Amino acid sequence: MTVGSEFDKVLVVDFGAQYAKLIARRVRECHVYSEIVHHDISPEEVRAKKPKGIILSGGPKSVHQPGAPVADPKIYDLGIPVLGICYGHQLMALDLGGQVEKGATGEFGRTLLEASGGLLFEEAPLEQTVWMSHNDAVTRAPQGFRKVAGTTASPVAGMEDPERGLYGVQFHPEVGHTPFGIDLMKNFLYKACDCLPSWTATGVIESAVESIREKVGSARVVCGLSGGVDSSVAAALVHRAIGSQLTCVFVDHGLLRAGEAEQVVDTFNRHLDVDLIHVKAQDRFISKLAGVEDPEQKRKVIGNEFIRVFEEVAGDVVKDSEEPVRFLVQGTLYPDVIESGGSGKVAAVIKTHHNVGGLPEDMTFELIEPLRDLFKDEVRKVGEELGLPEDVVWRQPFPGPGLAVRIIGEVTPQRLELVRAADAIVVEEIKRAGLYKEIWQSFAVLLPVRSVGVMGDERTYGHPVVVRAVTSEDAMTADWARLDHELLERIANRIVAEIPGINRVAYDISSKPPATIEWE
């Protein structure tokens, strides 16, 4: 079940740029559904997806470089409007007979652009600042195109062929440093593609409810509830669709944060009138993880064991019902699918999310993933629309494998207690500083090494802990949070003073990319 299939759709063709994700987000901010696809998608595959428009992303290479990514030129003949951005603009020009040359100088950063009208620049200043990042430039537009913008180093910084629905710009309208970029994208989406701005929280809910009812019928459904925003919103959405046919299963796998199990049970008993089964399976999961050090294997072990627990619970539910349990609800998001390599050929496997690539092949359930097409900020909006409490909607993301992926190496009860205590201090101090909603994620990581220290004039040989805090919009990219030094000092002092066995604290200043948010 994919919610996005019910809405006007725009495909973002990815040529290997980080900007592809940002373009997809900006399209959705214009209330139009977007989907990222690999650049070697065939015209037949494009036609089958029935998009109202196509956007060709930027890319890190020159169009003249051997092995540079290309698209099938036949996509220009499908009768579907196409917008090329930066690399996509140059590729369109080259494919259709224009000229692309390496400039005497590249253009990087804020650049003054002179426009001369055209659909893309309707109701926007003809002289405006845009954000550039390129060395090559289109020096001659293809036959049938009209030049509609230029800069000192980019003779054809904008071109249009409205009869064929083809448009291109050298700059990046999707970045915040192009002040009128969203206006340009809206002109393409609404005027060139004739898209309706219906991708809203209300629209998503209505579409999902209808799809869920149609798929489920009278069958029973179980939902894997973690208490995080994703599974909570998924549960609330499915509950709105099928009511008492849903049973939520909260599995305490022993890898949760301090006090989390009690908080989840209390919150859902108070705010959702839904059957909730609390499975205490700490020993079961930790025994399965014994000796497992590889992070991919950890995720697969945990994903597999989750399914086995759900299957057992489903057997108990069936005993009390004439209808079988056919479906499992998961809070899978679009970034989960991309990182797990599960969205066609858009991405390599960065890490296998336990709820995507970590599921067992012999699973008997059919999946219901009503959030599979959504980014995190969209999920929060849906959660607010469904009336979920603020402390659930704005809870910082927490991985399904829990603290297991915040312990580098083998998971043991002793290591769990160390990282759990350190994590509690980090979160408590972040909240005390009023930064909890501002920061995307903040947590502690336990390393599998020891270092020498001195406490009370005595030698110690303890574990180091790494504190991680990042800012992000959707977890596809992230930057390390510039926390105040006094806050970091409070966190470090408390961790060392309050947790025996830890004698050193480091702060992770890696962004994503090249790192990921979680360490495993």
Protein backbone atom coordinates (compact mmCIF):
# COMPACT_ATOMS: atom_id res chain seq x y z
CA MET A 1 0.00 0.00 0.00
CA THR A 2 1.52 3.30 -1.09
CA VAL A 3 -0.30 6.49 -0.15
CA GLY A 4 1.52 8.53 -2.79
CA SER A 5 -0.12 6.63 -5.65
CA GLU A 6 -3.38 8.48 -4.99
CA PHE A 7 -1.91 11.94 -5.68
CA ASP A 8 -0.48 13.90 -8.60
CA LYS A 9 3.14 12.77 -8.82
CA VAL A 10 6.45 14.27 -9.90
CA LEU A 11 9.50 12.07 -10.44
CA VAL A 12 12.91 13.39 -9.37
CA VAL A 13 15.58 11.71 -11.48
CA ASP A 14 18.70 11.28 -9.34
CA PHE A 15 22.08 11.80 -11.03
CA GLY A 16 24.03 11.22 -7.84
CA ALA A 17 23.56 14.56 -6.10
CA GLN A 18 22.60 15.15 -2.48
CA TYR A 19 20.33 17.81 -3.94
CA ALA A 20 17.97 15.16 -5.34
CA LYS A 21 16.58 14.56 -1.83
CA LEU A 22 16.22 18.30 -1.30
CA ILE A 23 14.39 18.72 -4.60
CA ALA A 24 11.95 15.97 -3.60
CA ARG A 25 11.33 17.70 -0.27
CA ARG A 26 10.76 21.09 -1.89
CA VAL A 27 8.23 19.59 -4.29
CA ARG A 28 6.34 18.16 -1.32
CA GLU A 29 6.49 21.52 0.43
CA CYS A 30 4.58 22.78 -2.60
CA HIS A 31 1.98 20.12 -1.66
CA VAL A 32 2.77 17.87 -4.62
CA TYR A 33 3.88 14.25 -4.10
CA SER A 34 7.41 13.47 -5.30
CA GLU A 35 9.34 10.25 -5.75
CA ILE A 36 13.08 9.80 -6.34
CA VAL A 37 14.08 7.45 -9.18
CA HIS A 38 17.44 6.34 -10.58
CA HIS A 39 18.74 8.03 -13.72
CA ASP A 40 18.64 4.81 -15.77
CA ILE A 41 14.87 4.47 -15.41
CA SER A 42 13.36 3.53 -18.78
CA PRO A 43 10.69 5.55 -20.58
CA GLU A 44 8.34 2.59 -20.13
CA GLU A 45 8.92 2.61 -16.36
CA VAL A 46 8.34 6.36 -16.27
CA ARG A 47 5.07 5.98 -18.19
CA ALA A 48 3.93 3.22 -15.83
CA LYS A 49 4.34 5.53 -12.82
CA LYS A 50 2.02 8.08 -14.47
CA PRO A 51 3.82 11.23 -13.31
CA LYS A 52 2.54 14.72 -14.09
CA GLY A 53 6.13 16.00 -14.31
CA ILE A 54 9.81 15.03 -14.24
CA ILE A 55 12.70 16.90 -12.63
CA LEU A 56 16.29 16.09 -13.60
CA SER A 57 18.54 16.68 -10.58
CA GLY A 58 22.01 18.12 -10.33
CA GLY A 59 25.04 15.85 -10.17
CA PRO A 60 28.70 15.88 -9.15
CA LYS A 61 30.18 15.19 -12.61
CA SER A 62 30.60 17.01 -15.90
CA VAL A 63 28.30 15.92 -18.73
CA HIS A 64 31.47 15.51 -20.84
CA GLN A 65 33.18 13.22 -18.33
CA PRO A 66 33.50 9.54 -19.38
CA GLY A 67 31.01 7.45 -17.44
CA ALA A 68 28.92 10.47 -16.41
CA PRO A 69 25.32 9.46 -15.62
CA VAL A 70 22.77 9.86 -18.40
CA ALA A 71 19.05 9.42 -18.88
CA ASP A 72 17.24 7.87 -21.82
CA PRO A 73 16.61 10.81 -24.22
CA LYS A 74 13.22 9.31 -25.08
CA ILE A 75 11.85 10.69 -21.80
CA TYR A 76 11.72 14.10 -23.53
CA ASP A 77 9.22 12.64 -26.03
CA LEU A 78 6.73 11.25 -23.50
CA GLY A 79 4.65 14.41 -23.45
CA ILE A 80 5.41 14.85 -19.74
CA PRO A 81 6.84 18.25 -18.69
CA VAL A 82 10.53 18.08 -17.74
CA LEU A 83 12.59 20.53 -15.65
CA GLY A 84 16.38 20.18 -15.72
CA ILE A 85 18.32 21.64 -12.79
CA CYS A 86 22.11 22.31 -13.03
CA TYR A 87 23.52 18.99 -14.34
CA GLY A 88 20.01 18.08 -15.50
CA HIS A 89 19.81 21.40 -17.38
CA GLN A 90 23.14 20.73 -19.11
CA LEU A 91 22.23 17.14 -19.95
CA MET A 92 18.93 18.22 -21.50
CA ALA A 93 20.73 20.84 -23.59
CA LEU A 94 23.36 18.31 -24.76
CA ASP A 95 20.82 15.55 -25.49
CA LEU A 96 18.67 17.85 -27.62
CA GLY A 97 21.44 19.42 -29.71
CA GLY A 98 22.53 22.40 -27.64
CA GLN A 99 26.06 23.25 -26.61
CA VAL A 100 27.67 22.78 -23.19
CA GLU A 101 31.19 24.05 -22.55
CA LYS A 102 33.58 24.35 -19.65
CA GLY A 103 33.58 27.99 -18.60
CA ALA A 104 36.64 30.15 -18.12
CA THR A 105 35.54 30.30 -14.51
CA GLY A 106 32.96 28.31 -12.61
CA GLU A 107 30.08 29.81 -10.67
CA PHE A 108 29.73 29.01 -7.01
CA GLY A 109 27.47 30.58 -4.42
CA ARG A 110 25.25 33.63 -4.78
CA THR A 111 25.10 34.95 -8.35
CA LEU A 112 23.14 37.78 -9.98
CA LEU A 113 20.78 36.48 -12.68
CA GLU A 114 19.02 38.44 -15.41
CA ALA A 115 15.75 36.89 -16.61
CA SER A 116 13.67 37.88 -19.62
CA GLY A 117 10.29 36.38 -18.78
CA GLY A 118 9.03 32.91 -19.52
CA LEU A 119 6.77 30.57 -17.56
CA LEU A 120 9.33 29.74 -14.89
CA PHE A 121 9.90 33.38 -13.97
CA GLU A 122 6.26 34.51 -13.99
CA GLU A 123 5.51 36.90 -11.10
CA ALA A 124 9.19 36.91 -10.05
CA PRO A 125 11.77 39.70 -10.34
CA LEU A 126 13.62 39.67 -13.65
CA GLU A 127 16.80 40.52 -11.74
CA GLN A 128 17.37 38.22 -8.80
CA THR A 129 20.03 36.39 -6.79
CA VAL A 130 20.37 32.64 -7.33
CA TRP A 131 22.65 29.90 -5.99
CA MET A 132 25.12 28.40 -8.45
CA SER A 133 27.47 25.41 -8.17
CA HIS A 134 28.99 24.40 -11.52
CA ASN A 135 31.97 24.56 -13.87
CA ASP A 136 30.29 23.73 -17.21
CA ALA A 137 27.66 26.00 -18.71
CA VAL A 138 25.09 25.87 -21.53
CA THR A 139 26.40 28.27 -24.18
CA ARG A 140 23.75 27.56 -26.84
CA ALA A 141 20.20 26.36 -26.25
CA PRO A 142 18.82 23.52 -28.42
CA GLN A 143 16.63 24.32 -31.41
CA GLY A 144 13.10 25.19 -30.35
CA PHE A 145 14.18 26.55 -26.96
CA ARG A 146 14.06 30.17 -25.94
CA LYS A 147 16.73 31.57 -23.63
CA VAL A 148 14.95 33.11 -20.62
CA ALA A 149 17.84 33.85 -18.22
CA GLY A 150 21.59 34.34 -18.13
CA THR A 151 24.50 35.35 -15.92
CA THR A 152 28.01 36.56 -16.61
CA ALA A 153 29.43 33.03 -16.71
CA SER A 154 26.28 31.17 -17.86
CA PRO A 155 24.99 32.51 -21.19
CA VAL A 156 21.94 30.21 -20.99
CA ALA A 157 21.11 29.99 -17.29
CA GLY A 158 17.44 29.40 -18.12
CA MET A 159 15.71 27.99 -21.21
CA GLU A 160 12.21 26.93 -22.17
CA ASP A 161 10.38 25.05 -24.91
CA PRO A 162 6.76 25.35 -23.70
CA GLU A 163 5.33 23.51 -26.72
CA ARG A 164 7.19 20.36 -25.70
CA GLY A 165 6.98 21.14 -21.98
CA LEU A 166 10.77 21.26 -21.55
CA TYR A 167 12.48 23.66 -19.14
CA GLY A 168 15.97 24.06 -17.72
CA VAL A 169 17.82 26.27 -15.22
CA GLN A 170 21.52 26.30 -14.38
CA PHE A 171 21.02 27.41 -10.78
CA HIS A 172 19.51 25.56 -7.80
CA PRO A 173 15.93 26.73 -7.09
CA GLU A 174 15.57 24.09 -4.35
CA VAL A 175 18.09 25.68 -1.95
CA GLY A 176 17.19 28.40 0.52
CA HIS A 177 19.91 30.68 -0.90
CA THR A 178 17.77 31.14 -4.06
CA PRO A 179 15.07 33.43 -2.59
CA PHE A 180 12.56 32.99 -5.43
CA GLY A 181 13.37 29.33 -6.06
CA ILE A 182 10.13 28.00 -4.58
CA ASP A 183 8.17 30.39 -6.81
CA LEU A 184 9.94 28.94 -9.85
CA MET A 185 9.18 25.40 -8.74
CA LYS A 186 5.53 26.25 -8.15
CA ASN A 187 5.33 27.71 -11.66
CA PHE A 188 6.67 24.44 -13.06
CA LEU A 189 4.47 22.24 -10.87
CA TYR A 190 1.20 24.15 -11.15
CA LYS A 191 1.44 25.81 -14.59
CA ALA A 192 3.61 23.48 -16.65
CA CYS A 193 2.56 20.17 -15.04
CA ASP A 194 -0.97 21.17 -14.01
CA CYS A 195 -0.46 19.51 -10.60
CA LEU A 196 -2.98 20.02 -7.81
CA PRO A 197 -1.53 21.06 -4.41
CA SER A 198 -3.33 18.21 -2.62
CA TRP A 199 -0.38 16.53 -0.85
CA THR A 200 -1.36 17.68 2.66
CA ALA A 201 -1.70 15.98 6.05
CA THR A 202 -5.48 15.86 5.63
CA GLY A 203 -5.16 14.46 2.11
CA VAL A 204 -2.65 11.82 3.22
CA ILE A 205 -4.92 10.71 6.07
CA GLU A 206 -8.01 10.46 3.88
CA SER A 207 -6.15 8.54 1.18
CA ALA A 208 -4.48 6.18 3.69
CA VAL A 209 -7.71 5.43 5.54
CA GLU A 210 -9.50 4.54 2.31
CA SER A 211 -6.59 2.35 1.10
CA ILE A 212 -6.26 0.54 4.44
CA ARG A 213 -9.98 -0.26 4.63
CA GLU A 214 -9.96 -1.57 1.08
CA LYS A 215 -6.90 -3.76 1.65
CA VAL A 216 -7.78 -5.13 5.10
CA GLY A 217 -11.47 -5.88 4.73
CA SER A 218 -12.59 -7.75 7.84
CA ALA A 219 -9.19 -9.26 8.70
CA ARG A 220 -7.39 -8.69 11.99
CA VAL A 221 -4.25 -6.53 12.07
CA VAL A 222 -1.33 -6.27 14.49
CA CYS A 223 0.87 -3.18 14.76
CA GLY A 224 4.47 -3.22 15.95
CA LEU A 225 4.40 -0.29 18.35
CA SER A 226 7.66 1.16 19.67
CA GLY A 227 6.24 4.36 21.12
CA GLY A 228 8.23 6.51 18.69
CA VAL A 229 6.53 8.99 16.39
CA ASP A 230 6.60 6.70 13.33
CA SER A 231 4.94 3.63 14.80
CA SER A 232 2.60 5.80 16.89
CA VAL A 233 1.32 7.72 13.87
CA ALA A 234 1.04 4.50 11.86
CA ALA A 235 -1.01 2.93 14.67
CA ALA A 236 -3.29 5.96 14.99
CA LEU A 237 -3.82 6.07 11.23
CA VAL A 238 -4.70 2.38 10.96
CA HIS A 239 -6.91 2.61 14.06
CA ARG A 240 -8.87 5.43 12.43
CA ALA A 241 -9.39 3.19 9.40
CA ILE A 242 -10.36 -0.13 11.02
CA GLY A 243 -10.94 0.53 14.74
CA SER A 244 -11.17 -2.60 16.89
CA GLN A 245 -9.72 -4.85 14.17
CA LEU A 246 -6.31 -3.49 15.22
CA THR A 247 -4.20 -4.89 18.06
CA CYS A 248 -1.01 -3.02 18.97
CA VAL A 249 1.96 -5.01 20.20
CA PHE A 250 4.63 -3.25 22.22
CA VAL A 251 7.72 -5.43 22.41
CA ASP A 252 10.11 -4.52 25.21
CA HIS A 253 13.27 -6.03 23.77
CA GLY A 254 15.48 -4.79 26.60
CA LEU A 255 17.17 -2.29 24.28
CA LEU A 256 15.03 0.71 25.25
CA ARG A 257 15.99 3.93 26.97
CA ALA A 258 15.54 4.47 30.70
CA GLY A 259 11.87 4.40 31.76
CA GLU A 260 10.70 4.07 28.17
CA ALA A 261 8.59 0.93 28.47
CA GLU A 262 6.46 2.38 31.27
CA GLN A 263 6.08 5.67 29.40
CA VAL A 264 4.89 4.00 26.18
CA VAL A 265 2.28 1.85 27.92
CA ASP A 266 0.98 4.79 29.95
CA THR A 267 0.80 7.15 26.94
CA PHE A 268 -1.14 4.73 24.75
CA ASN A 269 -3.53 3.65 27.43
CA ARG A 270 -4.42 7.32 27.95
CA HIS A 271 -4.55 8.57 24.36
CA LEU A 272 -5.54 5.68 22.09
CA ASP A 273 -8.56 3.48 22.68
CA VAL A 274 -6.84 0.45 21.17
CA ASP A 275 -5.99 -3.06 22.37
CA LEU A 276 -2.36 -2.99 23.54
CA ILE A 277 -0.35 -6.11 24.32
CA HIS A 278 2.89 -5.53 26.23
CA VAL A 279 5.42 -8.30 25.53
CA LYS A 280 8.40 -8.43 27.89
CA ALA A 281 11.09 -10.15 25.85
CA GLN A 282 14.35 -8.69 27.17
CA ASP A 283 16.10 -12.01 27.82
CA ARG A 284 14.98 -13.43 24.50
CA PHE A 285 16.48 -10.60 22.39
CA ILE A 286 19.68 -10.22 24.38
CA SER A 287 20.38 -13.95 24.18
CA LYS A 288 19.93 -13.82 20.38
CA LEU A 289 22.47 -10.97 20.22
CA ALA A 290 25.12 -12.83 22.24
CA GLY A 291 28.38 -12.85 20.31
CA VAL A 292 27.00 -10.70 17.46
CA GLU A 293 29.28 -7.75 16.66
CA ASP A 294 28.51 -6.86 13.03
CA PRO A 295 25.93 -4.03 12.88
CA GLU A 296 24.14 -5.41 9.82
CA GLN A 297 23.77 -8.76 11.55
CA LYS A 298 22.47 -7.07 14.70
CA ARG A 299 19.72 -5.35 12.74
CA LYS A 300 18.73 -8.56 10.99
CA VAL A 301 18.68 -10.57 14.21
CA ILE A 302 16.45 -7.96 15.86
CA GLY A 303 14.17 -7.60 12.81
CA ASN A 304 13.76 -11.37 12.59
CA GLU A 305 12.99 -11.74 16.30
CA PHE A 306 10.41 -8.93 16.18
CA ILE A 307 8.51 -10.84 13.50
CA ARG A 308 8.63 -14.07 15.50
CA VAL A 309 7.15 -12.29 18.51
CA PHE A 310 4.41 -10.73 16.37
CA GLU A 311 3.57 -14.13 14.87
CA GLU A 312 3.22 -15.63 18.35
CA VAL A 313 1.00 -12.77 19.49
CA ALA A 314 -1.08 -13.13 16.32
CA GLY A 315 -1.71 -16.75 17.25
CA ASP A 316 -3.13 -15.65 20.60
CA VAL A 317 -5.30 -12.99 18.92
CA VAL A 318 -6.73 -15.58 16.51
CA LYS A 319 -7.89 -17.72 19.44
CA ASP A 320 -10.21 -14.90 20.50
CA SER A 321 -11.43 -14.01 17.02
CA GLU A 322 -13.01 -15.74 14.04
CA GLU A 323 -10.96 -13.58 11.67
CA PRO A 324 -7.28 -14.38 10.96
CA VAL A 325 -4.44 -11.91 11.56
CA ARG A 326 -3.18 -11.30 8.05
CA PHE A 327 -1.45 -7.94 8.34
CA LEU A 328 1.40 -6.30 10.23
CA VAL A 329 1.59 -2.51 10.50
CA GLN A 330 5.01 -0.88 10.52
CA GLY A 331 6.10 2.75 10.76
CA THR A 332 8.50 2.51 7.82
CA LEU A 333 9.45 5.91 6.33
CA TYR A 334 10.78 6.95 2.92
CA PRO A 335 14.36 7.54 4.21
CA ASP A 336 14.35 4.01 5.69
CA VAL A 337 13.54 2.60 2.26
CA ILE A 338 16.21 4.67 0.49
CA GLU A 339 19.00 3.84 2.98
CA SER A 340 18.14 0.14 2.87
CA GLY A 341 18.53 0.16 -0.91
CA GLY A 342 14.88 -0.77 -1.23
CA SER A 343 13.64 1.93 -3.60
CA GLY A 344 14.62 0.54 -6.97
CA LYS A 345 18.21 1.54 -7.74
CA VAL A 346 18.08 4.99 -6.15
CA ALA A 347 20.60 4.20 -3.45
CA ALA A 348 23.19 1.71 -2.34
CA VAL A 349 22.57 -0.06 0.94
CA ILE A 350 23.86 2.38 3.56
CA LYS A 351 22.49 0.32 6.42
CA THR A 352 19.73 -2.24 6.60
CA HIS A 353 16.85 -0.89 8.62
CA HIS A 354 15.45 -3.70 10.74
CA ASN A 355 11.95 -3.04 9.39
CA VAL A 356 12.97 -3.07 5.71
CA GLY A 357 15.93 -5.31 4.83
CA GLY A 358 15.96 -7.04 8.20
CA LEU A 359 12.67 -8.92 7.81
CA PRO A 360 12.75 -12.74 7.50
CA GLU A 361 11.98 -14.21 4.08
CA ASP A 362 9.47 -16.69 5.51
CA MET A 363 7.35 -14.01 7.19
CA THR A 364 3.66 -14.92 6.97
CA PHE A 365 2.25 -11.39 7.38
CA GLU A 366 1.38 -8.97 4.64
CA LEU A 367 2.75 -5.52 5.45
CA ILE A 368 0.79 -2.32 5.88
CA GLU A 369 3.16 0.66 5.82
CA PRO A 370 1.01 3.78 5.58
CA LEU A 371 3.99 6.13 6.10
CA ARG A 372 6.31 4.48 3.59
CA ASP A 373 6.11 7.47 1.22
CA LEU A 374 6.63 10.13 3.91
CA PHE A 375 9.55 12.06 5.34
CA LYS A 376 9.71 12.57 9.12
CA ASP A 377 8.39 16.14 9.10
CA GLU A 378 5.38 14.96 7.08
CA VAL A 379 4.77 12.20 9.62
CA ARG A 380 4.75 14.76 12.44
CA LYS A 381 2.15 16.86 10.58
CA VAL A 382 -0.03 13.77 10.11
CA GLY A 383 0.39 12.95 13.81
CA GLU A 384 -0.72 16.43 14.84
CA GLU A 385 -3.70 16.20 12.49
CA LEU A 386 -4.65 12.87 14.10
CA GLY A 387 -4.57 14.50 17.55
CA LEU A 388 -1.62 12.62 19.04
CA PRO A 389 -0.04 14.29 22.10
CA GLU A 390 2.90 16.63 21.58
CA ASP A 391 5.34 14.49 23.58
CA VAL A 392 4.73 11.64 21.11
CA VAL A 393 4.73 13.71 17.90
CA TRP A 394 7.91 15.59 18.79
CA ARG A 395 9.84 12.77 20.38
CA GLN A 396 13.33 12.52 18.94
CA PRO A 397 13.80 9.58 16.55
CA PHE A 398 14.93 6.35 18.18
CA PRO A 399 16.10 3.38 16.08
CA GLY A 400 14.02 0.21 16.13
CA PRO A 401 17.06 -1.85 17.20
CA GLY A 402 17.34 0.58 20.08
CA LEU A 403 20.50 0.81 22.13
CA ALA A 404 21.93 -2.24 20.33
CA VAL A 405 23.19 0.05 17.55
CA ARG A 406 24.58 2.53 20.06
CA ILE A 407 26.87 -0.12 21.50
CA ILE A 408 29.77 -0.74 19.14
CA GLY A 409 30.47 -4.46 19.22
CA GLU A 410 28.69 -7.12 21.22
CA VAL A 411 25.58 -6.22 23.22
CA THR A 412 25.77 -7.36 26.84
CA PRO A 413 23.61 -6.49 29.87
CA GLN A 414 26.52 -4.60 31.42
CA ARG A 415 27.16 -2.51 28.32
CA LEU A 416 23.44 -1.82 28.00
CA GLU A 417 23.32 -0.38 31.51
CA LEU A 418 26.30 1.89 30.79
CA VAL A 419 24.92 3.33 27.54
CA ARG A 420 21.37 3.58 28.94
CA ALA A 421 22.56 5.66 31.91
CA ALA A 422 24.71 7.89 29.70
CA ASP A 423 21.88 8.38 27.21
CA ALA A 424 19.50 9.43 30.00
CA ILE A 425 21.92 12.15 31.11
CA VAL A 426 22.35 13.46 27.55
CA VAL A 427 18.59 13.70 26.96
CA GLU A 428 17.92 15.21 30.38
CA GLU A 429 20.49 17.97 29.88
CA ILE A 430 19.35 18.68 26.31
CA LYS A 431 15.78 19.10 27.58
CA ARG A 432 16.93 21.27 30.49
CA ALA A 433 18.70 23.54 27.98
CA GLY A 434 15.44 23.89 25.98
CA LEU A 435 16.95 22.28 22.87
CA TYR A 436 15.04 19.02 22.62
CA LYS A 437 12.73 20.05 19.73
CA GLU A 438 15.46 22.04 18.00
CA ILE A 439 17.85 19.08 17.83
CA TRP A 440 16.95 16.16 15.57
CA GLN A 441 18.64 13.51 17.71
CA SER A 442 20.85 13.52 20.80
CA PHE A 443 22.24 10.39 22.42
CA ALA A 444 25.29 8.52 23.73
CA VAL A 445 27.38 5.81 22.06
CA LEU A 446 29.49 3.27 23.97
CA LEU A 447 32.81 2.26 22.41
CA PRO A 448 34.30 -1.26 22.79
CA VAL A 449 37.69 0.03 23.98
CA ARG A 450 39.05 1.22 27.30
CA SER A 451 41.32 4.07 28.24
CA VAL A 452 43.36 5.02 31.28
CA GLY A 453 42.08 7.77 33.55
CA VAL A 454 42.51 9.09 37.07
CA MET A 455 39.71 9.62 39.57
CA GLY A 456 40.22 10.32 43.29
CA ASP A 457 44.00 10.06 42.80
CA GLU A 458 43.55 6.48 41.61
CA ARG A 459 44.07 4.93 38.22
CA THR A 460 40.97 3.94 36.27
CA TYR A 461 40.62 1.86 33.14
CA GLY A 462 37.16 2.62 31.83
CA HIS A 463 35.07 2.93 28.71
CA PRO A 464 34.83 6.11 26.64
CA VAL A 465 31.39 7.43 25.68
CA VAL A 466 30.72 9.51 22.57
CA VAL A 467 27.97 12.13 22.73
CA ARG A 468 26.16 12.67 19.42
CA ALA A 469 23.74 15.53 18.66
CA VAL A 470 22.65 16.53 15.15
CA THR A 471 20.33 18.92 13.38
CA SER A 472 18.38 17.78 10.33
CA GLU A 473 15.13 18.16 8.41
CA ASP A 474 14.57 14.57 7.32
CA ALA A 475 17.59 12.44 8.36
CA MET A 476 18.75 12.16 4.75
CA THR A 477 21.44 14.72 5.59
CA ALA A 478 22.44 16.06 8.99
CA ASP A 479 24.88 18.47 10.60
CA TRP A 480 26.45 18.17 14.04
CA ALA A 481 24.83 20.46 16.58
CA ARG A 482 26.92 23.37 17.82
CA LEU A 483 26.14 22.83 21.50
CA ASP A 484 27.25 25.39 24.04
CA HIS A 485 30.53 24.40 25.71
CA GLU A 486 29.02 24.78 29.17
CA LEU A 487 26.26 22.33 28.22
CA LEU A 488 28.81 19.84 26.93
CA GLU A 489 30.79 20.27 30.14
CA ARG A 490 27.71 19.51 32.27
CA ILE A 491 26.94 16.40 30.23
CA ALA A 492 30.53 15.13 30.39
CA ASN A 493 30.95 15.83 34.10
CA ARG A 494 27.71 14.07 35.00
CA ILE A 495 28.43 11.00 32.87
CA VAL A 496 31.87 10.49 34.41
CA ALA A 497 30.73 11.28 37.95
CA GLU A 498 27.49 9.28 37.95
CA ILE A 499 28.32 6.19 35.89
CA PRO A 500 31.00 3.85 37.26
CA GLY A 501 33.04 2.35 34.44
CA ILE A 502 33.09 5.44 32.20
CA ASN A 503 36.06 7.79 32.49
CA ARG A 504 36.14 9.69 29.19
CA VAL A 505 33.59 11.61 27.07
CA ALA A 506 34.04 12.73 23.43
CA TYR A 507 31.75 14.81 21.20
CA ASP A 508 31.10 13.68 17.62
CA ILE A 509 31.46 16.56 15.14
CA SER A 510 30.81 14.50 11.98
CA SER A 511 28.05 15.48 9.57
CA LYS A 512 25.97 13.18 7.35
CA PRO A 513 27.51 12.57 4.89
CA PRO A 514 30.23 11.35 5.31
CA ALA A 515 29.04 9.78 8.58
CA THR A 516 25.55 8.50 9.35
CA ILE A 517 23.55 9.79 12.33
CA GLU A 518 23.72 6.52 14.25
CA TRP A 519 27.12 4.85 14.61
CA GLU A 520 25.79 1.48 13.42
